[in-house]
């Protein structure tokens, strides 16, 4: 699953060093970037094959003609149910919440399995993309 989800991610951020983060109480409180996330870029990343490929597993209320998956929970209303720090941990490494999660760790590079050799040691999303996706998900209030 992880190798497939990352198969089309751009290698433009391959050399970017990972930002250190701290997990506490089921969340990552501090943003990974100093720039705030941009919801428009986040939507683009979530609904793009060059981004997070989130649409492969989740439904979105504003996805237009994008074919959507149903493996993960629907994301309608996620901005009301989950805080930014909770979303950050889910995107960075969902296995910290559920060890059996099939959701890719978008910002973890160590201890992964079935990763295409091109992506070994590289995150699927940059720190800014993680923050952008969070900003977008927080707009999904209904």
C-alpha atoms as a PDB file:
ATOM      1  CA  UNK A   1       0.000   0.000   0.000  1.00  0.00           C
ATOM      2  CA  UNK A   2       2.684   2.504   0.957  1.00  0.00           C
ATOM      3  CA  UNK A   3       4.748   1.985  -2.166  1.00  0.00           C
ATOM      4  CA  UNK A   4       1.625   2.392  -4.328  1.00  0.00           C
ATOM      5  CA  UNK A   5       0.487   5.521  -2.537  1.00  0.00           C
ATOM      6  CA  UNK A   6       3.886   7.137  -3.008  1.00  0.00           C
ATOM      7  CA  UNK A   7       4.508   5.910  -6.525  1.00  0.00           C
ATOM      8  CA  UNK A   8       3.707   9.210  -8.197  1.00  0.00           C
ATOM      9  CA  UNK A   9       5.001  11.646  -5.601  1.00  0.00           C
ATOM     10  CA  UNK A  10       7.421  14.189  -7.023  1.00  0.00           C
ATOM     11  CA  UNK A  11      11.039  13.827  -5.950  1.00  0.00           C
ATOM     12  CA  UNK A  12      11.435  17.610  -5.839  1.00  0.00           C
ATOM     13  CA  UNK A  13      11.561  17.481  -2.031  1.00  0.00           C
ATOM     14  CA  UNK A  14      13.810  14.424  -1.837  1.00  0.00           C
ATOM     15  CA  UNK A  15      16.749  16.366  -0.412  1.00  0.00           C
ATOM     16  CA  UNK A  16      14.698  18.234   2.198  1.00  0.00           C
ATOM     17  CA  UNK A  17      15.696  17.331   5.744  1.00  0.00           C
ATOM     18  CA  UNK A  18      12.849  16.202   7.963  1.00  0.00           C
ATOM     19  CA  UNK A  19      11.675  18.691  10.560  1.00  0.00           C
ATOM     20  CA  UNK A  20      11.908  17.352  14.105  1.00  0.00           C
ATOM     21  CA  UNK A  21       8.555  16.977  15.820  1.00  0.00           C
ATOM     22  CA  UNK A  22       7.311  15.821  19.214  1.00  0.00           C
ATOM     23  CA  UNK A  23       4.359  13.488  19.747  1.00  0.00           C
ATOM     24  CA  UNK A  24       2.493  13.968  23.031  1.00  0.00           C
ATOM     25  CA  UNK A  25      -1.028  13.013  24.054  1.00  0.00           C
ATOM     26  CA  UNK A  26      -1.905  11.623  20.617  1.00  0.00           C
ATOM     27  CA  UNK A  27      -0.947  14.708  18.684  1.00  0.00           C
ATOM     28  CA  UNK A  28       1.843  16.856  17.281  1.00  0.00           C
ATOM     29  CA  UNK A  29       1.113  20.320  18.671  1.00  0.00           C
ATOM     30  CA  UNK A  30       3.752  22.390  16.878  1.00  0.00           C
ATOM     31  CA  UNK A  31       3.397  23.011  13.139  1.00  0.00           C
ATOM     32  CA  UNK A  32       6.156  21.548  10.975  1.00  0.00           C
ATOM     33  CA  UNK A  33       6.713  24.902   9.241  1.00  0.00           C
ATOM     34  CA  UNK A  34       6.833  28.568  10.134  1.00  0.00           C
ATOM     35  CA  UNK A  35       4.483  29.393   7.251  1.00  0.00           C
ATOM     36  CA  UNK A  36       0.800  28.672   7.806  1.00  0.00           C
ATOM     37  CA  UNK A  37      -0.814  25.989   5.706  1.00  0.00           C
ATOM     38  CA  UNK A  38      -2.689  27.014   2.568  1.00  0.00           C
ATOM     39  CA  UNK A  39      -6.075  25.280   2.117  1.00  0.00           C
ATOM     40  CA  UNK A  40      -6.049  25.591  -1.688  1.00  0.00           C
ATOM     41  CA  UNK A  41      -2.627  23.954  -1.955  1.00  0.00           C
ATOM     42  CA  UNK A  42      -3.750  21.364   0.591  1.00  0.00           C
ATOM     43  CA  UNK A  43      -6.820  20.446  -1.447  1.00  0.00           C
ATOM     44  CA  UNK A  44      -4.650  20.149  -4.532  1.00  0.00           C
ATOM     45  CA  UNK A  45      -2.219  17.855  -2.703  1.00  0.00           C
ATOM     46  CA  UNK A  46      -4.996  15.697  -1.222  1.00  0.00           C
ATOM     47  CA  UNK A  47      -6.801  15.260  -4.549  1.00  0.00           C
ATOM     48  CA  UNK A  48      -3.703  14.874  -6.722  1.00  0.00           C
ATOM     49  CA  UNK A  49      -1.729  11.887  -7.914  1.00  0.00           C
ATOM     50  CA  UNK A  50       1.370  14.089  -7.515  1.00  0.00           C
ATOM     51  CA  UNK A  51       0.394  14.838  -3.928  1.00  0.00           C
ATOM     52  CA  UNK A  52      -0.999  12.734  -1.140  1.00  0.00           C
ATOM     53  CA  UNK A  53      -3.327  10.524  -3.192  1.00  0.00           C
ATOM     54  CA  UNK A  54      -5.778  10.821  -0.278  1.00  0.00           C
ATOM     55  CA  UNK A  55      -8.692  10.325  -2.658  1.00  0.00           C
ATOM     56  CA  UNK A  56      -7.642   6.719  -3.221  1.00  0.00           C
ATOM     57  CA  UNK A  57      -8.969   5.816   0.238  1.00  0.00           C
ATOM     58  CA  UNK A  58     -11.208   8.706   1.362  1.00  0.00           C
ATOM     59  CA  UNK A  59     -14.268  10.539   0.101  1.00  0.00           C
ATOM     60  CA  UNK A  60     -14.261  14.349   0.044  1.00  0.00           C
ATOM     61  CA  UNK A  61     -17.344  16.566  -0.067  1.00  0.00           C
ATOM     62  CA  UNK A  62     -15.861  18.842  -2.751  1.00  0.00           C
ATOM     63  CA  UNK A  63     -13.907  16.428  -4.954  1.00  0.00           C
ATOM     64  CA  UNK A  64     -15.763  17.202  -8.182  1.00  0.00           C
ATOM     65  CA  UNK A  65     -15.209  14.468 -10.773  1.00  0.00           C
ATOM     66  CA  UNK A  66     -12.310  12.835  -8.923  1.00  0.00           C
ATOM     67  CA  UNK A  67     -13.061   9.120  -8.399  1.00  0.00           C
ATOM     68  CA  UNK A  68     -12.976   8.422  -4.667  1.00  0.00           C
ATOM     69  CA  UNK A  69     -12.142   5.441  -2.461  1.00  0.00           C
ATOM     70  CA  UNK A  70     -13.895   4.019   0.554  1.00  0.00           C
ATOM     71  CA  UNK A  71     -11.144   2.265   2.525  1.00  0.00           C
ATOM     72  CA  UNK A  72     -10.693   5.150   4.958  1.00  0.00           C
ATOM     73  CA  UNK A  73     -13.378   7.193   6.686  1.00  0.00           C
ATOM     74  CA  UNK A  74     -15.197   9.951   4.771  1.00  0.00           C
ATOM     75  CA  UNK A  75     -13.549  13.323   5.340  1.00  0.00           C
ATOM     76  CA  UNK A  76     -16.744  15.407   5.336  1.00  0.00           C
ATOM     77  CA  UNK A  77     -16.838  17.238   8.667  1.00  0.00           C
ATOM     78  CA  UNK A  78     -13.322  16.194   9.681  1.00  0.00           C
ATOM     79  CA  UNK A  79     -12.507  19.819  10.512  1.00  0.00           C
ATOM     80  CA  UNK A  80     -15.161  19.722  13.250  1.00  0.00           C
ATOM     81  CA  UNK A  81     -14.153  16.339  14.642  1.00  0.00           C
ATOM     82  CA  UNK A  82     -10.352  16.507  14.710  1.00  0.00           C
ATOM     83  CA  UNK A  83      -7.965  19.293  15.731  1.00  0.00           C
ATOM     84  CA  UNK A  84      -4.950  20.468  13.726  1.00  0.00           C
ATOM     85  CA  UNK A  85      -2.488  18.772  16.141  1.00  0.00           C
ATOM     86  CA  UNK A  86      -4.449  15.489  15.881  1.00  0.00           C
ATOM     87  CA  UNK A  87      -4.558  15.725  12.075  1.00  0.00           C
ATOM     88  CA  UNK A  88      -0.818  16.442  12.025  1.00  0.00           C
ATOM     89  CA  UNK A  89      -0.058  13.139  13.781  1.00  0.00           C
ATOM     90  CA  UNK A  90      -2.441  11.244  11.497  1.00  0.00           C
ATOM     91  CA  UNK A  91      -0.649  12.613   8.426  1.00  0.00           C
ATOM     92  CA  UNK A  92       2.870  12.312   9.781  1.00  0.00           C
ATOM     93  CA  UNK A  93       2.434   8.735  11.033  1.00  0.00           C
ATOM     94  CA  UNK A  94      -1.028   7.237  11.553  1.00  0.00           C
ATOM     95  CA  UNK A  95       0.484   4.069  13.037  1.00  0.00           C
ATOM     96  CA  UNK A  96       1.222   6.069  16.210  1.00  0.00           C
ATOM     97  CA  UNK A  97      -2.564   6.065  16.724  1.00  0.00           C
ATOM     98  CA  UNK A  98      -3.400   2.649  15.272  1.00  0.00           C
ATOM     99  CA  UNK A  99      -0.554   0.187  14.683  1.00  0.00           C
ATOM    100  CA  UNK A 100      -2.673  -1.641  12.070  1.00  0.00           C
ATOM    101  CA  UNK A 101      -3.449   1.479  10.033  1.00  0.00           C
ATOM    102  CA  UNK A 102      -3.073   1.080   6.281  1.00  0.00           C
ATOM    103  CA  UNK A 103      -2.748   4.828   5.813  1.00  0.00           C
ATOM    104  CA  UNK A 104       0.725   5.768   4.607  1.00  0.00           C
ATOM    105  CA  UNK A 105       3.039   7.621   6.952  1.00  0.00           C
ATOM    106  CA  UNK A 106       3.341  10.796   4.899  1.00  0.00           C
ATOM    107  CA  UNK A 107       6.197  12.305   6.897  1.00  0.00           C
ATOM    108  CA  UNK A 108       8.016   9.330   8.361  1.00  0.00           C
ATOM    109  CA  UNK A 109      10.947   7.684   6.611  1.00  0.00           C
ATOM    110  CA  UNK A 110      12.245   5.070   9.054  1.00  0.00           C
ATOM    111  CA  UNK A 111      10.898   1.602   9.833  1.00  0.00           C
ATOM    112  CA  UNK A 112       8.605   1.407   6.811  1.00  0.00           C
ATOM    113  CA  UNK A 113       7.898  -1.709   4.782  1.00  0.00           C
ATOM    114  CA  UNK A 114       7.260  -2.261   1.073  1.00  0.00           C
ATOM    115  CA  UNK A 115       8.731   1.080  -0.022  1.00  0.00           C
ATOM    116  CA  UNK A 116       9.895   1.453  -3.611  1.00  0.00           C
ATOM    117  CA  UNK A 117      13.666   1.947  -3.700  1.00  0.00           C
ATOM    118  CA  UNK A 118      13.203   5.406  -5.249  1.00  0.00           C
ATOM    119  CA  UNK A 119      11.412   6.570  -2.100  1.00  0.00           C
ATOM    120  CA  UNK A 120      13.512   4.996   0.636  1.00  0.00           C
ATOM    121  CA  UNK A 121      14.470   7.700   3.125  1.00  0.00           C
ATOM    122  CA  UNK A 122      12.167  10.308   1.550  1.00  0.00           C
ATOM    123  CA  UNK A 123       8.853  11.555   2.938  1.00  0.00           C
ATOM    124  CA  UNK A 124       5.757  11.307   0.749  1.00  0.00           C
ATOM    125  CA  UNK A 125       4.855  14.922   1.559  1.00  0.00           C
ATOM    126  CA  UNK A 126       7.034  17.875   2.494  1.00  0.00           C
ATOM    127  CA  UNK A 127       6.516  19.572   5.846  1.00  0.00           C
ATOM    128  CA  UNK A 128       4.726  22.429   4.046  1.00  0.00           C
ATOM    129  CA  UNK A 129       2.468  20.015   2.179  1.00  0.00           C
ATOM    130  CA  UNK A 130       1.510  18.376   5.489  1.00  0.00           C
ATOM    131  CA  UNK A 131       0.554  21.797   6.877  1.00  0.00           C
ATOM    132  CA  UNK A 132      -1.316  22.651   3.657  1.00  0.00           C
ATOM    133  CA  UNK A 133      -3.354  19.437   3.805  1.00  0.00           C
ATOM    134  CA  UNK A 134      -4.169  20.130   7.459  1.00  0.00           C
ATOM    135  CA  UNK A 135      -5.353  23.647   6.546  1.00  0.00           C
ATOM    136  CA  UNK A 136      -7.593  22.171   3.845  1.00  0.00           C
ATOM    137  CA  UNK A 137      -9.009  19.428   6.077  1.00  0.00           C
ATOM    138  CA  UNK A 138      -9.870  22.006   8.740  1.00  0.00           C
ATOM    139  CA  UNK A 139     -12.124  23.752   6.164  1.00  0.00           C
ATOM    140  CA  UNK A 140     -14.250  20.588   5.889  1.00  0.00           C
ATOM    141  CA  UNK A 141     -16.761  21.524   8.562  1.00  0.00           C
ATOM    142  CA  UNK A 142     -19.999  19.952   7.223  1.00  0.00           C
END
